[in-house]
Protein backbone atom coordinates (compact mmCIF):
# COMPACT_ATOMS: atom_id res chain seq x y z
CA MET A 1 0.00 0.00 0.00
CA GLU A 2 2.78 2.34 0.73
CA VAL A 3 3.99 1.97 -2.83
CA LEU A 4 0.59 3.13 -4.01
CA LYS A 5 0.75 6.13 -1.69
CA LEU A 6 4.07 7.10 -3.23
CA PHE A 7 2.54 7.20 -6.71
CA ALA A 8 -0.82 8.71 -5.56
CA PRO A 9 0.20 12.32 -6.15
CA TYR A 10 1.13 11.53 -9.75
CA GLY A 11 -2.11 9.82 -10.66
CA PRO A 12 -3.05 6.46 -12.16
CA GLY A 13 -1.42 7.29 -15.51
CA TRP A 14 2.00 7.43 -13.96
CA LEU A 15 1.40 4.19 -12.13
CA GLY A 16 0.37 2.49 -15.39
CA GLY A 17 3.37 4.03 -17.18
CA ALA A 18 5.76 2.80 -14.47
CA ALA A 19 4.21 -0.67 -14.69
CA LEU A 20 4.63 -0.61 -18.49
CA ILE A 21 8.25 0.46 -18.13
CA LEU A 22 8.94 -2.32 -15.63
CA ILE A 23 7.24 -4.89 -17.87
CA ALA A 24 9.14 -3.56 -20.93
CA PHE A 25 12.40 -3.66 -18.99
CA HIS A 26 11.70 -7.26 -17.84
CA PHE A 27 10.84 -8.52 -21.36
CA GLY A 28 13.69 -6.49 -22.89
CA ASN A 29 16.10 -8.10 -20.47
CA GLN A 30 14.76 -11.58 -21.35
CA PHE A 31 14.94 -10.74 -25.07
CA LEU A 32 18.51 -9.52 -24.70
CA SER A 33 19.60 -12.63 -22.77
CA GLU A 34 17.88 -14.87 -25.38
CA TYR A 35 19.58 -12.89 -28.18
CA LYS A 36 22.99 -13.37 -26.51
CA LEU A 37 22.25 -17.09 -26.05
CA GLN A 38 21.30 -17.42 -29.74
CA ASN A 39 24.50 -15.65 -30.78
CA GLU A 40 26.54 -18.00 -28.59
CA ARG A 41 24.77 -21.01 -30.16
CA LYS A 42 25.47 -19.65 -33.64
CA ALA A 43 29.10 -19.07 -32.72
CA SER A 44 29.32 -22.59 -31.30
CA LEU A 45 27.75 -24.02 -34.47
CA ASP A 46 30.14 -21.97 -36.62
CA ILE A 47 33.09 -23.29 -34.62
CA LYS A 48 31.83 -26.87 -34.96
CA ARG A 49 31.25 -26.35 -38.68
CA GLU A 50 34.78 -25.01 -39.09
CA GLU A 51 36.15 -27.95 -37.10
CA ARG A 52 34.24 -30.37 -39.36
CA LYS A 53 35.52 -28.58 -42.45
CA GLN A 54 39.07 -28.75 -41.11
CA ALA A 55 38.62 -32.44 -40.29
CA GLU A 56 37.38 -33.05 -43.85
CA VAL A 57 40.36 -31.15 -45.26
CA ASP A 58 42.72 -33.18 -43.06
CA GLU A 59 41.00 -36.43 -44.08
CA ARG A 60 41.18 -35.49 -47.76
CA ALA A 61 44.87 -34.64 -47.40
CA GLN A 62 45.47 -38.00 -45.68
CA ARG A 63 43.65 -39.82 -48.50
CA ASP A 64 45.70 -37.90 -51.06
CA ARG A 65 48.93 -38.88 -49.27
CA GLU A 66 47.85 -42.52 -49.13
CA ARG A 67 46.80 -42.44 -52.79
CA SER A 68 50.14 -40.97 -53.85
CA GLN A 69 52.00 -43.60 -51.80
CA MET A 70 49.89 -46.32 -53.42
CA GLU A 71 50.56 -44.87 -56.87
CA GLY A 72 54.28 -44.86 -56.06
CA ARG A 73 54.12 -48.52 -55.06
CA ILE A 74 52.18 -49.32 -58.21
CA ALA A 75 54.79 -47.52 -60.31
CA VAL A 76 57.59 -49.55 -58.65
CA GLN A 77 55.66 -52.76 -59.26
CA MET A 78 55.09 -51.79 -62.89
CA GLU A 79 58.83 -51.16 -63.32
CA ARG A 80 59.60 -54.56 -61.79
CA SER A 81 57.01 -56.20 -64.00
CA ASN A 82 58.41 -54.51 -67.09
CA ALA A 83 61.95 -55.59 -66.17
CA LEU A 84 60.73 -59.18 -65.67
CA MET A 85 58.88 -59.06 -68.98
CA GLU A 86 62.05 -57.88 -70.74
CA ALA A 87 64.05 -60.66 -69.08
CA MET A 88 61.42 -63.22 -70.12
CA LYS A 89 61.45 -61.84 -73.67
CA THR A 90 65.25 -62.16 -73.81
CA LEU A 91 65.04 -65.68 -72.41
CA MET A 92 62.38 -66.66 -74.95
CA GLU A 93 64.50 -65.26 -77.79
CA SER A 94 67.41 -67.33 -76.49
CA VAL A 95 65.21 -70.45 -76.34
CA VAL A 96 63.92 -69.82 -79.87
CA ALA A 97 67.50 -69.40 -81.15
CA SER A 98 68.56 -72.57 -79.33
CA ASN A 99 65.59 -74.46 -80.79
CA GLU A 100 66.49 -73.26 -84.28
CA VAL A 101 70.06 -74.52 -83.82
CA LEU A 102 68.76 -77.84 -82.48
CA HIS A 103 66.32 -78.11 -85.37
CA SER A 104 69.12 -77.40 -87.83
CA ASP A 105 71.32 -80.04 -86.15
CA LEU A 106 68.42 -82.51 -86.20
CA THR A 107 67.78 -81.88 -89.89
CA HIS A 108 71.49 -82.33 -90.65
CA SER A 109 71.60 -85.49 -88.50
CA GLN A 110 68.52 -86.87 -90.25
CA ALA A 111 70.15 -86.24 -93.62
CA ARG A 112 73.31 -87.98 -92.46
CA SER A 113 71.30 -90.86 -91.04
CA GLN A 114 69.44 -91.18 -94.35
CA GLY A 115 72.78 -91.32 -96.14
CA MET A 116 74.07 -93.96 -93.71
CA ALA A 117 70.87 -95.95 -94.10
CA GLU A 118 71.34 -95.97 -97.88
CA LYS A 119 74.93 -97.14 -97.42
CA VAL A 120 73.88 -99.87 -94.98
CA ASP A 121 71.11 -100.95 -97.39
CA HIS A 122 73.69 -101.04 -100.18
CA ILE A 123 76.08 -103.09 -98.02
CA CYS A 124 73.24 -105.39 -97.00
CA ASP A 125 72.28 -105.86 -100.63
CA ARG A 126 75.90 -106.70 -101.49
CA VAL A 127 76.20 -109.16 -98.60
CA ASP A 128 72.92 -110.81 -99.65
CA LEU A 129 74.22 -111.00 -103.19
CA ILE A 130 77.46 -112.57 -102.00
CA TYR A 131 75.50 -115.07 -99.86
CA SER A 132 73.30 -115.87 -102.78
CA ARG A 133 76.30 -116.57 -105.00
CA GLU A 134 77.98 -118.65 -102.35
CA SER A 135 74.78 -120.58 -101.69
CA ASP A 136 74.28 -121.24 -105.36
CA LYS A 137 77.74 -122.74 -105.72
């Protein structure tokens, strides 16, 4: 009641105005604290977003490093494979040359054997002829 007596000389308009000011101050204070809280949330979300972006950048860089290491290993393997292929090619050429020499020797040996067979047949024919003459006598 004493509060009302203080404002009695000013009239009910002043009392209503003071009440409006107090209500406005109270809601303004709540609005301001909510605004600050929203800004802090936005800042927190921005920080988290930046952390996620940085994590993605770090992860991408790690994948790039791993990919380049893998490509390096693949390149080394390809070089080894190419060297082995060249060695195999050289070996195959050597085998082909050796086979050609063996084939040539075999052909020559067959020709010589054919000649020997003809000589043996000739000798056999002569021996049979001699036997025949001796048997006839």
